[in-house]
Amino acid sequence: MLLLPLPLAGCLTNDEGSGPVSFTADRGVDNQPFPATYRTEVLAFMRTYLNNPVGVRDAAVAEPVQRTLGGRLRYVVCLRYSAKDSDGSYRPARERGIVFVDGRLDRMMENAGEPCAGVSYAAFPDLERMTR
C-alpha cells in the first residue's frame, strides 16, 4: 500500500483529475487476465480491512465477472458479509465489489449494487473462519 504524508494525500487524483485513485499499474487493455488467486487475495485484504476480522457471518462470494467500470473492462468479485462491530454486535449484511486490474486486487467498491447485479453467490466459509 502506498503511504503518503498527510498533506500530500489530498493531492492524489486519477489520470482524469477526479475519482478514486488506483494503486495498481493499469496497462489500459481490454483483455484483462482472470484473477486466478482472487479468493486468497480477498481474504488477505479483508483481514486488514475489517476492524475485527473474527466472527464474520453470512459470508458469500461470487465468481469474478467482467464489468465496465470508468470506461474500462475489469473483473469484479462480489462479496457479501456481516461483520462484528466494535461493541460486539453485528452490522447488517453488506455487499461490496472487489475490483481486479491485470489479475491483481486493486480496490474495494463500497457501492456495488450495479456491478454485482445478477451475480450468483456461494458460501465463503474461509471468510467466516478468519483470525487476527
Protein backbone atom coordinates (compact mmCIF):
# COMPACT_ATOMS: atom_id res chain seq x y z
CA MET A 1 0.00 0.00 0.00
CA LEU A 2 1.22 3.47 -0.80
CA LEU A 3 1.61 5.66 2.26
CA LEU A 4 1.98 9.40 1.81
CA PRO A 5 2.41 12.18 4.32
CA LEU A 6 -0.99 13.60 5.19
CA PRO A 7 -0.51 16.91 3.33
CA LEU A 8 0.29 15.05 0.10
CA ALA A 9 -2.60 12.60 0.40
CA GLY A 10 -5.05 15.34 -0.57
CA CYS A 11 -3.18 15.82 -3.86
CA LEU A 12 -3.92 12.32 -5.17
CA THR A 13 -6.14 12.11 -8.24
CA ASN A 14 -6.53 9.72 -11.09
CA ASP A 15 -5.39 10.46 -14.65
CA GLU A 16 -8.58 12.37 -15.36
CA GLY A 17 -8.12 14.55 -12.26
CA SER A 18 -11.07 13.20 -10.29
CA GLY A 19 -12.45 9.99 -8.85
CA PRO A 20 -10.82 7.17 -6.88
CA VAL A 21 -7.14 6.50 -7.14
CA SER A 22 -5.97 3.11 -8.34
CA PHE A 23 -2.67 1.90 -6.94
CA THR A 24 -2.26 -0.91 -9.48
CA ALA A 25 -0.47 -0.09 -12.72
CA ASP A 26 -3.10 -0.06 -15.44
CA ARG A 27 -1.98 -1.10 -18.88
CA GLY A 28 -5.35 0.09 -20.21
CA VAL A 29 -6.04 -3.11 -22.13
CA ASP A 30 -9.42 -4.69 -22.63
CA ASN A 31 -8.24 -8.28 -22.33
CA GLN A 32 -7.88 -8.42 -18.56
CA PRO A 33 -6.48 -11.69 -17.19
CA PHE A 34 -8.75 -13.76 -14.96
CA PRO A 35 -7.81 -13.22 -11.27
CA ALA A 36 -6.90 -16.85 -10.55
CA THR A 37 -5.97 -16.23 -6.88
CA TYR A 38 -8.94 -13.98 -6.13
CA ARG A 39 -10.08 -15.89 -3.02
CA THR A 40 -6.65 -15.70 -1.39
CA GLU A 41 -6.29 -12.01 -2.26
CA VAL A 42 -9.77 -11.16 -0.97
CA LEU A 43 -9.09 -12.96 2.33
CA ALA A 44 -5.77 -11.15 2.82
CA PHE A 45 -7.40 -7.81 2.04
CA MET A 46 -10.40 -8.39 4.32
CA ARG A 47 -8.12 -9.38 7.21
CA THR A 48 -6.67 -5.85 7.11
CA TYR A 49 -9.85 -4.03 6.01
CA LEU A 50 -12.09 -5.19 8.85
CA ASN A 51 -11.52 -3.76 12.33
CA ASN A 52 -12.32 -7.19 13.74
CA PRO A 53 -11.92 -10.00 11.18
CA VAL A 54 -13.01 -12.62 13.74
CA GLY A 55 -16.61 -13.82 13.69
CA VAL A 56 -17.75 -12.68 10.24
CA ARG A 57 -21.20 -14.13 9.47
CA ASP A 58 -23.21 -14.88 6.36
CA ALA A 59 -20.15 -14.64 4.10
CA ALA A 60 -20.75 -15.24 0.41
CA VAL A 61 -18.70 -14.64 -2.71
CA ALA A 62 -19.44 -14.68 -6.43
CA GLU A 63 -17.08 -15.83 -9.16
CA PRO A 64 -15.26 -12.95 -10.89
CA VAL A 65 -17.34 -11.26 -13.58
CA GLN A 66 -16.25 -8.75 -16.19
CA ARG A 67 -17.82 -5.32 -15.87
CA THR A 68 -17.12 -1.95 -17.45
CA LEU A 69 -16.02 0.48 -14.74
CA GLY A 70 -14.97 4.00 -15.61
CA GLY A 71 -14.97 3.07 -19.29
CA ARG A 72 -12.56 0.15 -18.78
CA LEU A 73 -13.21 -3.57 -18.64
CA ARG A 74 -12.43 -5.02 -15.20
CA TYR A 75 -13.00 -8.21 -13.27
CA VAL A 76 -15.17 -7.69 -10.19
CA VAL A 77 -15.56 -10.15 -7.33
CA CYS A 78 -18.77 -9.54 -5.41
CA LEU A 79 -18.71 -10.17 -1.69
CA ARG A 80 -21.48 -10.18 0.91
CA TYR A 81 -20.87 -10.45 4.66
CA SER A 82 -21.90 -9.29 8.11
CA ALA A 83 -19.01 -8.12 10.29
CA LYS A 84 -18.83 -7.69 14.03
CA ASP A 85 -18.93 -4.08 15.25
CA SER A 86 -16.64 -2.72 17.98
CA ASP A 87 -19.35 -3.26 20.63
CA GLY A 88 -19.71 -6.95 19.67
CA SER A 89 -23.00 -6.54 17.79
CA TYR A 90 -23.29 -7.41 14.12
CA ARG A 91 -23.75 -4.92 11.33
CA PRO A 92 -26.35 -5.61 8.66
CA ALA A 93 -25.04 -7.63 5.71
CA ARG A 94 -23.01 -5.54 3.27
CA GLU A 95 -22.38 -6.06 -0.42
CA ARG A 96 -19.01 -4.96 -1.77
CA GLY A 97 -17.28 -5.23 -5.11
CA ILE A 98 -13.58 -6.06 -5.23
CA VAL A 99 -12.01 -4.74 -8.44
CA PHE A 100 -9.11 -6.54 -10.09
CA VAL A 101 -6.75 -4.92 -12.61
CA ASP A 102 -4.28 -7.05 -14.55
CA GLY A 103 -5.24 -10.05 -12.41
CA ARG A 104 -4.45 -8.36 -9.07
CA LEU A 105 -6.67 -6.87 -6.37
CA ASP A 106 -6.89 -3.13 -6.93
CA ARG A 107 -9.63 -1.68 -4.73
CA MET A 108 -12.94 -2.20 -2.97
CA MET A 109 -16.15 -0.59 -4.17
CA GLU A 110 -18.43 0.47 -1.33
CA ASN A 111 -21.43 0.81 -3.65
CA ALA A 112 -21.50 -2.42 -5.65
CA GLY A 113 -25.21 -2.57 -6.49
CA GLU A 114 -24.90 -2.22 -10.27
CA PRO A 115 -21.64 -4.15 -10.82
CA CYS A 116 -22.93 -7.01 -8.65
CA ALA A 117 -26.44 -7.13 -10.10
CA GLY A 118 -27.38 -10.64 -11.18
CA VAL A 119 -24.36 -12.49 -9.76
CA SER A 120 -24.75 -15.87 -8.08
CA TYR A 121 -23.32 -16.04 -4.59
CA ALA A 122 -21.89 -19.14 -2.93
CA ALA A 123 -20.95 -19.61 0.71
CA PHE A 124 -17.48 -18.32 1.60
CA PRO A 125 -16.63 -20.18 4.83
CA ASP A 126 -12.95 -19.10 4.72
CA LEU A 127 -14.07 -15.52 5.37
CA GLU A 128 -16.07 -16.68 8.39
CA ARG A 129 -13.06 -18.58 9.78
CA MET A 130 -10.64 -15.64 9.70
CA THR A 131 -8.45 -14.95 12.71
CA ARG A 132 -6.39 -11.95 13.67
